[in-house]
Amino acid sequence: FMLIVVCRGLGLDRDKMEEYFLDALAADPTNYYAYYEKLRYLFPQWHGSDEEMLSFARSAALQAPPNTAIPLILAEAHWVLAKDAKDRRRYLSDPKVWDQINSVYSDFFKAFPRSASERASFARYAGIAGKEDLALDTFSKAIELSPRNEIVYYERADFFRKKKEYLRAVDDYTRSIEVNPKYREGEAISQR
């Protein structure tokens, strides 16, 4: 998959990237990073367009080998499109978009029920899409699964901060520091 990164950086043509992508899949058809790097190659700022990126992501999600993270590429494509949208919340809460994101994550959690980091990612999507109860429940489940993961506390704290629930935010920022005293992101924000 690193050759796909090289193709993107050097501006090599699509045929060469496709060759490297197929080589990576021949070596390991479950290689999430090969899919992710092809998606990045197709980002509009590189060598693709919104339509090409989303088409590839949808196809990858539908054709992925079972019990892999590959379908999450579709959520990543929507994240990129949401960042470019005038209203990120409106984009992610669109029923067609939300259904796709929710579907790939639901399937992922059936296959990988203990994945705390992906639960935190899904919770971010849910929070931005205005599904606050789902976001909070999902962050809390991620913490339950991985109580020593300072980043999940930090992410939930950020969620609380955006909701202007500052005391809860400070509690979680503080907890992220207690879990890992070297984690300076939480410290910098909790001292504001």
N, C-alpha and C. Protein backbone atom coordinates (compact mmCIF):
# COMPACT_ATOMS: atom_id res chain seq x y z
N PHE A 1 0.81 -1.20 0.00
CA PHE A 1 0.00 0.00 0.00
C PHE A 1 0.85 1.27 0.00
N MET A 2 2.10 1.17 0.42
CA MET A 2 2.96 2.36 0.44
C MET A 2 3.23 2.88 -0.97
N LEU A 3 3.19 1.99 -1.95
CA LEU A 3 3.39 2.46 -3.32
C LEU A 3 2.23 3.33 -3.80
N ILE A 4 1.05 3.12 -3.22
CA ILE A 4 -0.09 3.99 -3.54
C ILE A 4 0.18 5.39 -2.98
N VAL A 5 0.79 5.45 -1.81
CA VAL A 5 1.17 6.74 -1.22
C VAL A 5 2.17 7.44 -2.14
N VAL A 6 3.13 6.69 -2.64
CA VAL A 6 4.13 7.24 -3.56
C VAL A 6 3.44 7.77 -4.82
N CYS A 7 2.50 7.01 -5.35
CA CYS A 7 1.76 7.46 -6.55
C CYS A 7 1.07 8.80 -6.28
N ARG A 8 0.43 8.91 -5.13
CA ARG A 8 -0.28 10.15 -4.78
C ARG A 8 0.71 11.30 -4.70
N GLY A 9 1.80 11.09 -3.99
CA GLY A 9 2.77 12.16 -3.77
C GLY A 9 3.49 12.59 -5.02
N LEU A 10 3.78 11.64 -5.89
CA LEU A 10 4.51 11.97 -7.12
C LEU A 10 3.58 12.32 -8.28
N GLY A 11 2.29 12.18 -8.05
CA GLY A 11 1.34 12.50 -9.11
C GLY A 11 1.33 11.48 -10.23
N LEU A 12 1.64 10.22 -9.91
CA LEU A 12 1.63 9.18 -10.93
C LEU A 12 0.19 8.90 -11.37
N ASP A 13 0.05 8.40 -12.57
CA ASP A 13 -1.28 8.28 -13.16
C ASP A 13 -2.12 7.19 -12.48
N ARG A 14 -3.41 7.23 -12.75
CA ARG A 14 -4.38 6.34 -12.14
C ARG A 14 -4.07 4.88 -12.43
N ASP A 15 -3.63 4.58 -13.65
CA ASP A 15 -3.33 3.19 -13.99
C ASP A 15 -2.25 2.60 -13.09
N LYS A 16 -1.23 3.39 -12.81
CA LYS A 16 -0.14 2.92 -11.95
C LYS A 16 -0.66 2.71 -10.52
N MET A 17 -1.47 3.65 -10.04
CA MET A 17 -2.04 3.50 -8.70
C MET A 17 -2.89 2.23 -8.64
N GLU A 18 -3.72 2.00 -9.66
CA GLU A 18 -4.59 0.81 -9.69
C GLU A 18 -3.74 -0.47 -9.69
N GLU A 19 -2.64 -0.45 -10.41
CA GLU A 19 -1.74 -1.60 -10.43
C GLU A 19 -1.23 -1.89 -9.02
N TYR A 20 -0.77 -0.86 -8.33
CA TYR A 20 -0.26 -1.05 -6.97
C TYR A 20 -1.37 -1.47 -6.01
N PHE A 21 -2.55 -0.93 -6.20
CA PHE A 21 -3.69 -1.30 -5.36
C PHE A 21 -4.00 -2.78 -5.53
N LEU A 22 -4.08 -3.24 -6.77
CA LEU A 22 -4.36 -4.65 -7.03
C LEU A 22 -3.24 -5.56 -6.52
N ASP A 23 -1.99 -5.11 -6.61
CA ASP A 23 -0.87 -5.88 -6.04
C ASP A 23 -1.03 -6.01 -4.53
N ALA A 24 -1.41 -4.92 -3.88
CA ALA A 24 -1.59 -4.96 -2.42
C ALA A 24 -2.71 -5.92 -2.05
N LEU A 25 -3.80 -5.91 -2.82
CA LEU A 25 -4.91 -6.82 -2.52
C LEU A 25 -4.55 -8.27 -2.82
N ALA A 26 -3.72 -8.49 -3.83
CA ALA A 26 -3.27 -9.85 -4.13
C ALA A 26 -2.47 -10.40 -2.95
N ALA A 27 -1.69 -9.55 -2.32
CA ALA A 27 -0.90 -9.97 -1.17
C ALA A 27 -1.77 -10.16 0.07
N ASP A 28 -2.78 -9.30 0.23
CA ASP A 28 -3.67 -9.39 1.39
C ASP A 28 -4.99 -8.69 1.06
N PRO A 29 -6.03 -9.46 0.71
CA PRO A 29 -7.29 -8.85 0.32
C PRO A 29 -8.01 -8.11 1.45
N THR A 30 -7.53 -8.29 2.68
CA THR A 30 -8.16 -7.60 3.82
C THR A 30 -7.35 -6.37 4.26
N ASN A 31 -6.43 -5.92 3.45
CA ASN A 31 -5.55 -4.80 3.81
C ASN A 31 -6.31 -3.48 3.78
N TYR A 32 -6.78 -3.07 4.95
CA TYR A 32 -7.53 -1.82 5.09
C TYR A 32 -6.73 -0.64 4.54
N TYR A 33 -5.44 -0.61 4.81
CA TYR A 33 -4.63 0.54 4.43
C TYR A 33 -4.49 0.69 2.92
N ALA A 34 -4.56 -0.40 2.18
CA ALA A 34 -4.56 -0.30 0.72
C ALA A 34 -5.81 0.44 0.27
N TYR A 35 -6.95 0.09 0.84
CA TYR A 35 -8.20 0.78 0.51
C TYR A 35 -8.15 2.24 0.94
N TYR A 36 -7.64 2.46 2.14
CA TYR A 36 -7.56 3.82 2.67
C TYR A 36 -6.67 4.70 1.79
N GLU A 37 -5.53 4.18 1.37
CA GLU A 37 -4.63 4.98 0.55
C GLU A 37 -5.18 5.21 -0.86
N LYS A 38 -5.92 4.24 -1.38
CA LYS A 38 -6.57 4.50 -2.67
C LYS A 38 -7.63 5.59 -2.50
N LEU A 39 -8.38 5.52 -1.41
CA LEU A 39 -9.36 6.57 -1.13
C LEU A 39 -8.68 7.93 -1.09
N ARG A 40 -7.56 8.02 -0.40
CA ARG A 40 -6.83 9.29 -0.32
C ARG A 40 -6.34 9.75 -1.69
N TYR A 41 -5.90 8.81 -2.51
CA TYR A 41 -5.49 9.16 -3.88
C TYR A 41 -6.65 9.82 -4.61
N LEU A 42 -7.88 9.36 -4.32
CA LEU A 42 -9.07 9.87 -4.99
C LEU A 42 -9.66 11.12 -4.35
N PHE A 43 -9.04 11.60 -3.26
CA PHE A 43 -9.51 12.86 -2.68
C PHE A 43 -9.47 13.94 -3.76
N PRO A 44 -10.43 14.84 -3.76
CA PRO A 44 -10.46 15.89 -4.77
C PRO A 44 -9.19 16.74 -4.83
N GLN A 45 -8.54 16.94 -3.70
CA GLN A 45 -7.32 17.76 -3.72
C GLN A 45 -6.13 17.02 -4.28
N TRP A 46 -6.27 15.71 -4.51
CA TRP A 46 -5.17 14.96 -5.09
C TRP A 46 -5.48 14.62 -6.54
N HIS A 47 -6.04 13.45 -6.79
CA HIS A 47 -6.18 13.01 -8.18
C HIS A 47 -7.57 12.52 -8.52
N GLY A 48 -8.55 12.85 -7.70
CA GLY A 48 -9.90 12.36 -7.94
C GLY A 48 -10.94 13.46 -7.80
N SER A 49 -12.12 13.04 -7.50
CA SER A 49 -13.24 13.97 -7.31
C SER A 49 -14.13 13.42 -6.21
N ASP A 50 -15.08 14.23 -5.76
CA ASP A 50 -16.03 13.77 -4.75
C ASP A 50 -16.74 12.51 -5.24
N GLU A 51 -17.18 12.54 -6.49
CA GLU A 51 -17.94 11.42 -7.04
C GLU A 51 -17.09 10.15 -7.12
N GLU A 52 -15.85 10.27 -7.59
CA GLU A 52 -14.98 9.10 -7.71
C GLU A 52 -14.66 8.52 -6.33
N MET A 53 -14.40 9.39 -5.39
CA MET A 53 -14.07 8.95 -4.04
C MET A 53 -15.25 8.20 -3.43
N LEU A 54 -16.43 8.78 -3.53
CA LEU A 54 -17.62 8.17 -2.93
C LEU A 54 -18.00 6.88 -3.66
N SER A 55 -17.86 6.86 -4.95
CA SER A 55 -18.15 5.65 -5.72
C SER A 55 -17.22 4.51 -5.30
N PHE A 56 -15.94 4.80 -5.19
CA PHE A 56 -14.99 3.78 -4.75
C PHE A 56 -15.33 3.30 -3.34
N ALA A 57 -15.63 4.22 -2.44
CA ALA A 57 -15.91 3.86 -1.05
C ALA A 57 -17.16 2.99 -0.96
N ARG A 58 -18.20 3.33 -1.71
CA ARG A 58 -19.42 2.52 -1.70
C ARG A 58 -19.13 1.11 -2.24
N SER A 59 -18.39 1.05 -3.32
CA SER A 59 -18.03 -0.24 -3.90
C SER A 59 -17.20 -1.07 -2.93
N ALA A 60 -16.24 -0.44 -2.28
CA ALA A 60 -15.40 -1.14 -1.30
C ALA A 60 -16.25 -1.69 -0.16
N ALA A 61 -17.19 -0.88 0.32
CA ALA A 61 -18.04 -1.31 1.43
C ALA A 61 -18.90 -2.52 1.04
N LEU A 62 -19.39 -2.51 -0.19
CA LEU A 62 -20.26 -3.61 -0.65
C LEU A 62 -19.48 -4.89 -0.95
N GLN A 63 -18.26 -4.74 -1.45
CA GLN A 63 -17.50 -5.89 -1.92
C GLN A 63 -16.42 -6.37 -0.94
N ALA A 64 -16.34 -5.75 0.20
CA ALA A 64 -15.28 -6.09 1.16
C ALA A 64 -15.43 -7.51 1.67
N PRO A 65 -14.30 -8.16 1.92
CA PRO A 65 -14.38 -9.47 2.58
C PRO A 65 -15.09 -9.32 3.92
N PRO A 66 -15.83 -10.33 4.34
CA PRO A 66 -16.55 -10.22 5.62
C PRO A 66 -15.60 -10.06 6.80
N ASN A 67 -16.14 -9.45 7.84
CA ASN A 67 -15.41 -9.28 9.11
C ASN A 67 -14.09 -8.54 8.94
N THR A 68 -14.14 -7.44 8.18
CA THR A 68 -12.97 -6.57 8.03
C THR A 68 -13.39 -5.13 8.30
N ALA A 69 -12.41 -4.28 8.45
CA ALA A 69 -12.66 -2.85 8.65
C ALA A 69 -12.86 -2.11 7.33
N ILE A 70 -12.69 -2.78 6.22
CA ILE A 70 -12.72 -2.11 4.92
C ILE A 70 -14.00 -1.29 4.68
N PRO A 71 -15.19 -1.76 5.07
CA PRO A 71 -16.38 -0.93 4.83
C PRO A 71 -16.34 0.44 5.51
N LEU A 72 -15.51 0.59 6.54
CA LEU A 72 -15.40 1.89 7.21
C LEU A 72 -14.83 2.96 6.28
N ILE A 73 -14.26 2.53 5.16
CA ILE A 73 -13.79 3.48 4.14
C ILE A 73 -14.94 4.39 3.70
N LEU A 74 -16.16 3.85 3.67
CA LEU A 74 -17.32 4.65 3.27
C LEU A 74 -17.57 5.78 4.27
N ALA A 75 -17.45 5.48 5.55
CA ALA A 75 -17.60 6.53 6.56
C ALA A 75 -16.51 7.58 6.41
N GLU A 76 -15.29 7.13 6.13
CA GLU A 76 -14.17 8.06 5.93
C GLU A 76 -14.43 8.99 4.74
N ALA A 77 -14.96 8.44 3.66
CA ALA A 77 -15.28 9.27 2.49
C ALA A 77 -16.32 10.34 2.87
N HIS A 78 -17.31 9.94 3.63
CA HIS A 78 -18.32 10.92 4.06
C HIS A 78 -17.71 11.97 4.99
N TRP A 79 -16.76 11.56 5.80
CA TRP A 79 -16.09 12.52 6.69
C TRP A 79 -15.38 13.60 5.86
N VAL A 80 -14.69 13.17 4.82
CA VAL A 80 -13.98 14.12 3.94
C VAL A 80 -14.99 15.06 3.28
N LEU A 81 -16.08 14.50 2.78
CA LEU A 81 -17.09 15.33 2.13
C LEU A 81 -17.75 16.28 3.13
N ALA A 82 -17.96 15.81 4.36
CA ALA A 82 -18.56 16.66 5.39
C ALA A 82 -17.65 17.82 5.75
N LYS A 83 -16.34 17.56 5.78
CA LYS A 83 -15.40 18.64 6.11
C LYS A 83 -15.44 19.74 5.05
N ASP A 84 -15.72 19.36 3.81
CA ASP A 84 -15.78 20.33 2.72
C ASP A 84 -17.17 20.97 2.57
N ALA A 85 -18.16 20.42 3.23
CA ALA A 85 -19.52 20.94 3.13
C ALA A 85 -19.64 22.24 3.92
N LYS A 86 -20.57 23.09 3.51
CA LYS A 86 -20.79 24.35 4.24
C LYS A 86 -21.32 24.07 5.64
N ASP A 87 -22.12 23.03 5.77
CA ASP A 87 -22.72 22.67 7.06
C ASP A 87 -22.47 21.19 7.32
N ARG A 88 -21.43 20.91 8.09
CA ARG A 88 -21.01 19.53 8.36
C ARG A 88 -22.14 18.74 9.02
N ARG A 89 -22.83 19.37 9.97
CA ARG A 89 -23.93 18.69 10.67
C ARG A 89 -25.03 18.30 9.69
N ARG A 90 -25.40 19.22 8.83
CA ARG A 90 -26.46 18.93 7.86
C ARG A 90 -26.03 17.78 6.94
N TYR A 91 -24.79 17.80 6.49
CA TYR A 91 -24.32 16.74 5.61
C TYR A 91 -24.38 15.38 6.30
N LEU A 92 -23.80 15.27 7.50
CA LEU A 92 -23.74 13.98 8.19
C LEU A 92 -25.10 13.50 8.67
N SER A 93 -26.02 14.42 8.94
CA SER A 93 -27.34 14.02 9.42
C SER A 93 -28.31 13.72 8.28
N ASP A 94 -27.91 14.00 7.04
CA ASP A 94 -28.75 13.63 5.90
C ASP A 94 -29.07 12.14 6.03
N PRO A 95 -30.35 11.76 5.96
CA PRO A 95 -30.70 10.35 6.21
C PRO A 95 -29.94 9.34 5.34
N LYS A 96 -29.69 9.65 4.08
CA LYS A 96 -28.96 8.71 3.23
C LYS A 96 -27.52 8.56 3.70
N VAL A 97 -26.89 9.67 4.04
CA VAL A 97 -25.50 9.64 4.52
C VAL A 97 -25.44 8.94 5.87
N TRP A 98 -26.31 9.36 6.80
CA TRP A 98 -26.27 8.77 8.14
C TRP A 98 -26.53 7.26 8.07
N ASP A 99 -27.48 6.84 7.24
CA ASP A 99 -27.77 5.41 7.14
C ASP A 99 -26.55 4.63 6.68
N GLN A 100 -25.78 5.18 5.74
CA GLN A 100 -24.58 4.50 5.27
C GLN A 100 -23.53 4.40 6.38
N ILE A 101 -23.31 5.51 7.08
CA ILE A 101 -22.33 5.51 8.18
C ILE A 101 -22.76 4.55 9.28
N ASN A 102 -24.00 4.66 9.68
CA ASN A 102 -24.52 3.80 10.75
C ASN A 102 -24.45 2.33 10.36
N SER A 103 -24.75 2.04 9.11
CA SER A 103 -24.75 0.65 8.64
C SER A 103 -23.35 0.04 8.68
N VAL A 104 -22.35 0.75 8.16
CA VAL A 104 -21.00 0.15 8.15
C VAL A 104 -20.46 -0.01 9.57
N TYR A 105 -20.77 0.95 10.44
CA TYR A 105 -20.31 0.81 11.82
C TYR A 105 -21.07 -0.30 12.56
N SER A 106 -22.37 -0.42 12.33
CA SER A 106 -23.13 -1.49 12.99
C SER A 106 -22.57 -2.85 12.63
N ASP A 107 -22.31 -3.05 11.34
CA ASP A 107 -21.72 -4.32 10.91
C ASP A 107 -20.33 -4.52 11.52
N PHE A 108 -19.55 -3.45 11.56
CA PHE A 108 -18.20 -3.55 12.14
C PHE A 108 -18.28 -3.96 13.61
N PHE A 109 -19.19 -3.36 14.37
CA PHE A 109 -19.28 -3.67 15.80
C PHE A 109 -19.79 -5.09 16.04
N LYS A 110 -20.55 -5.64 15.11
CA LYS A 110 -20.95 -7.05 15.24
C LYS A 110 -19.72 -7.96 15.10
N ALA A 111 -18.83 -7.59 14.19
CA ALA A 111 -17.63 -8.39 13.97
C ALA A 111 -16.55 -8.12 15.01
N PHE A 112 -16.48 -6.86 15.47
CA PHE A 112 -15.42 -6.45 16.41
C PHE A 112 -16.05 -5.69 17.59
N PRO A 113 -16.74 -6.41 18.46
CA PRO A 113 -17.49 -5.73 19.54
C PRO A 113 -16.61 -5.02 20.57
N ARG A 114 -15.32 -5.33 20.62
CA ARG A 114 -14.45 -4.73 21.63
C ARG A 114 -13.59 -3.58 21.10
N SER A 115 -13.89 -3.07 19.94
CA SER A 115 -13.09 -2.00 19.35
C SER A 115 -13.47 -0.64 19.94
N ALA A 116 -12.71 -0.23 20.93
CA ALA A 116 -12.98 1.05 21.59
C ALA A 116 -12.65 2.24 20.68
N SER A 117 -11.55 2.16 19.95
CA SER A 117 -11.15 3.30 19.12
C SER A 117 -12.16 3.57 18.01
N GLU A 118 -12.70 2.53 17.40
CA GLU A 118 -13.71 2.76 16.35
C GLU A 118 -15.03 3.21 16.95
N ARG A 119 -15.33 2.80 18.18
CA ARG A 119 -16.53 3.33 18.84
C ARG A 119 -16.37 4.83 19.06
N ALA A 120 -15.19 5.27 19.42
CA ALA A 120 -14.96 6.70 19.60
C ALA A 120 -15.12 7.44 18.26
N SER A 121 -14.65 6.84 17.19
CA SER A 121 -14.82 7.45 15.87
C SER A 121 -16.30 7.56 15.52
N PHE A 122 -17.04 6.48 15.73
CA PHE A 122 -18.47 6.50 15.44
C PHE A 122 -19.18 7.54 16.31
N ALA A 123 -18.77 7.65 17.56
CA ALA A 123 -19.38 8.63 18.45
C ALA A 123 -19.15 10.05 17.93
N ARG A 124 -17.98 10.32 17.35
CA ARG A 124 -17.72 11.65 16.75
C ARG A 124 -18.70 11.92 15.61
N TYR A 125 -18.87 10.93 14.74
CA TYR A 125 -19.84 11.08 13.65
C TYR A 125 -21.22 11.39 14.22
N ALA A 126 -21.64 10.59 15.20
CA ALA A 126 -22.97 10.75 15.77
C ALA A 126 -23.14 12.13 16.40
N GLY A 127 -22.13 12.58 17.14
CA GLY A 127 -22.22 13.90 17.77
C GLY A 127 -22.37 15.02 16.77
N ILE A 128 -21.57 14.97 15.73
CA ILE A 128 -21.64 16.02 14.71
C ILE A 128 -22.96 15.95 13.95
N ALA A 129 -23.48 14.73 13.75
CA ALA A 129 -24.75 14.56 13.04
C ALA A 129 -25.95 14.94 13.90
N GLY A 130 -25.70 15.36 15.15
CA GLY A 130 -26.79 15.78 16.03
C GLY A 130 -27.44 14.64 16.80
N LYS A 131 -26.84 13.49 16.76
CA LYS A 131 -27.37 12.32 17.47
C LYS A 131 -26.63 12.22 18.80
N GLU A 132 -26.91 13.18 19.66
CA GLU A 132 -26.12 13.37 20.88
C GLU A 132 -26.24 12.22 21.87
N ASP A 133 -27.45 11.68 22.04
CA ASP A 133 -27.60 10.55 22.97
C ASP A 133 -26.79 9.34 22.49
N LEU A 134 -26.86 9.08 21.20
CA LEU A 134 -26.08 7.98 20.63
C LEU A 134 -24.59 8.24 20.81
N ALA A 135 -24.17 9.47 20.57
CA ALA A 135 -22.76 9.81 20.72
C ALA A 135 -22.29 9.57 22.16
N LEU A 136 -23.04 10.06 23.11
CA LEU A 136 -22.65 9.90 24.52
C LEU A 136 -22.63 8.42 24.91
N ASP A 137 -23.66 7.67 24.51
CA ASP A 137 -23.69 6.23 24.82
C ASP A 137 -22.49 5.52 24.21
N THR A 138 -22.14 5.90 22.98
CA THR A 138 -21.05 5.23 22.29
C THR A 138 -19.70 5.60 22.90
N PHE A 139 -19.50 6.87 23.25
CA PHE A 139 -18.27 7.25 23.95
C PHE A 139 -18.16 6.48 25.27
N SER A 140 -19.26 6.40 26.00
CA SER A 140 -19.24 5.71 27.29
C SER A 140 -18.92 4.23 27.12
N LYS A 141 -19.46 3.61 26.08
CA LYS A 141 -19.15 2.20 25.80
C LYS A 141 -17.67 2.04 25.45
N ALA A 142 -17.12 2.99 24.70
CA ALA A 142 -15.69 2.93 24.36
C ALA A 142 -14.84 3.00 25.62
N ILE A 143 -15.23 3.86 26.55
CA ILE A 143 -14.48 3.98 27.81
C ILE A 143 -14.63 2.71 28.64
N GLU A 144 -15.82 2.13 28.64
CA GLU A 144 -16.04 0.86 29.35
C GLU A 144 -15.13 -0.24 28.79
N LEU A 145 -14.98 -0.26 27.47
CA LEU A 145 -14.15 -1.27 26.82
C LEU A 145 -12.66 -1.02 27.01
N SER A 146 -12.30 0.25 27.14
CA SER A 146 -10.87 0.60 27.21
C SER A 146 -10.67 1.74 28.23
N PRO A 147 -10.82 1.44 29.52
CA PRO A 147 -10.75 2.49 30.53
C PRO A 147 -9.37 3.11 30.71
N ARG A 148 -8.36 2.54 30.10
CA ARG A 148 -7.01 3.10 30.20
C ARG A 148 -6.60 3.82 28.92
N ASN A 149 -7.57 4.16 28.09
CA ASN A 149 -7.30 4.84 26.83
C ASN A 149 -7.58 6.33 27.01
N GLU A 150 -6.53 7.10 27.18
CA GLU A 150 -6.68 8.53 27.45
C GLU A 150 -7.33 9.28 26.29
N ILE A 151 -7.16 8.79 25.09
CA ILE A 151 -7.70 9.50 23.92
C ILE A 151 -9.22 9.44 23.91
N VAL A 152 -9.80 8.33 24.35
CA VAL A 152 -11.26 8.22 24.38
C VAL A 152 -11.83 9.21 25.40
N TYR A 153 -11.19 9.34 26.55
CA TYR A 153 -11.64 10.35 27.51
C TYR A 153 -11.55 11.75 26.91
N TYR A 154 -10.44 12.00 26.23
CA TYR A 154 -10.25 13.30 25.59
C TYR A 154 -11.34 13.57 24.56
N GLU A 155 -11.66 12.57 23.75
CA GLU A 155 -12.69 12.73 22.72
C GLU A 155 -14.06 13.01 23.36
N ARG A 156 -14.39 12.29 24.44
CA ARG A 156 -15.67 12.55 25.10
C ARG A 156 -15.66 13.92 25.75
N ALA A 157 -14.52 14.32 26.30
CA ALA A 157 -14.42 15.66 26.87
C ALA A 157 -14.66 16.73 25.81
N ASP A 158 -14.11 16.53 24.64
CA ASP A 158 -14.32 17.46 23.54
C ASP A 158 -15.81 17.53 23.18
N PHE A 159 -16.47 16.39 23.19
CA PHE A 159 -17.92 16.34 22.94
C PHE A 159 -18.65 17.20 23.97
N PHE A 160 -18.31 17.01 25.25
CA PHE A 160 -18.95 17.81 26.32
C PHE A 160 -18.65 19.30 26.15
N ARG A 161 -17.41 19.62 25.80
CA ARG A 161 -17.04 21.02 25.63
C ARG A 161 -17.87 21.68 24.54
N LYS A 162 -18.06 20.98 23.44
CA LYS A 162 -18.86 21.53 22.33
C LYS A 162 -20.31 21.70 22.73
N LYS A 163 -20.77 20.89 23.69
CA LYS A 163 -22.14 21.02 24.19
C LYS A 163 -22.23 22.05 25.33
N LYS A 164 -21.10 22.66 25.64
CA LYS A 164 -20.99 23.65 26.73
C LYS A 164 -21.27 23.03 28.10
N GLU A 165 -20.98 21.76 28.23
CA GLU A 165 -21.04 21.07 29.52
C GLU A 165 -19.62 21.03 30.07
N TYR A 166 -19.18 22.19 30.53
CA TYR A 166 -17.77 22.40 30.85
C TYR A 166 -17.27 21.57 32.03
N LEU A 167 -18.10 21.38 33.05
CA LEU A 167 -17.64 20.59 34.20
C LEU A 167 -17.41 19.13 33.80
N ARG A 168 -18.31 18.60 33.01
CA ARG A 168 -18.12 17.23 32.53
C ARG A 168 -16.90 17.15 31.62
N ALA A 169 -16.70 18.18 30.82
CA ALA A 169 -15.53 18.21 29.93
C ALA A 169 -14.24 18.21 30.75
N VAL A 170 -14.17 19.08 31.75
CA VAL A 170 -12.96 19.15 32.57
C VAL A 170 -12.72 17.81 33.28
N ASP A 171 -13.79 17.18 33.76
CA ASP A 171 -13.64 15.86 34.41
C ASP A 171 -12.98 14.86 33.46
N ASP A 172 -13.44 14.84 32.21
CA ASP A 172 -12.87 13.87 31.27
C ASP A 172 -11.48 14.28 30.81
N TYR A 173 -11.23 15.57 30.63
CA TYR A 173 -9.86 16.00 30.29
C TYR A 173 -8.91 15.61 31.42
N THR A 174 -9.36 15.81 32.65
CA THR A 174 -8.55 15.45 33.81
C THR A 174 -8.32 13.94 33.84
N ARG A 175 -9.35 13.18 33.56
CA ARG A 175 -9.21 11.72 33.56
C ARG A 175 -8.21 11.28 32.49
N SER A 176 -8.22 11.95 31.34
CA SER A 176 -7.27 11.58 30.28
C SER A 176 -5.84 11.79 30.76
N ILE A 177 -5.62 12.82 31.57
CA ILE A 177 -4.29 13.09 32.11
C ILE A 177 -3.94 12.07 33.20
N GLU A 178 -4.93 11.71 34.03
CA GLU A 178 -4.68 10.71 35.08
C GLU A 178 -4.29 9.37 34.46
N VAL A 179 -4.95 9.01 33.37
CA VAL A 179 -4.66 7.75 32.69
C VAL A 179 -3.26 7.78 32.09
N ASN A 180 -2.90 8.93 31.52
CA ASN A 180 -1.58 9.08 30.91
C ASN A 180 -1.06 10.49 31.20
N PRO A 181 -0.26 10.63 32.25
CA PRO A 181 0.24 11.96 32.62
C PRO A 181 1.03 12.66 31.51
N LYS A 182 1.51 11.92 30.53
CA LYS A 182 2.25 12.54 29.44
C LYS A 182 1.33 13.06 28.33
N TYR A 183 0.02 12.84 28.47
CA TYR A 183 -0.93 13.26 27.45
C TYR A 183 -1.24 14.74 27.64
N ARG A 184 -0.59 15.57 26.88
CA ARG A 184 -0.64 17.02 27.07
C ARG A 184 -1.85 17.69 26.42
N GLU A 185 -2.51 17.00 25.48
CA GLU A 185 -3.71 17.59 24.88
C GLU A 185 -4.74 17.89 25.98
N GLY A 186 -5.01 16.89 26.81
CA GLY A 186 -5.98 17.06 27.88
C GLY A 186 -5.57 18.11 28.88
N GLU A 187 -4.29 18.15 29.21
CA GLU A 187 -3.81 19.13 30.17
C GLU A 187 -3.98 20.55 29.66
N ALA A 188 -3.62 20.79 28.42
CA ALA A 188 -3.72 22.14 27.88
C ALA A 188 -5.15 22.65 27.89
N ILE A 189 -6.09 21.80 27.55
CA ILE A 189 -7.49 22.25 27.48
C ILE A 189 -8.10 22.35 28.87
N SER A 190 -7.78 21.42 29.78
CA SER A 190 -8.39 21.46 31.10
C SER A 190 -7.96 22.68 31.91
N GLN A 191 -6.86 23.31 31.51
CA GLN A 191 -6.39 24.48 32.24
C GLN A 191 -6.94 25.79 31.70
N ARG A 192 -7.74 25.74 30.64
CA ARG A 192 -8.32 26.96 30.06
C ARG A 192 -9.34 27.57 30.97
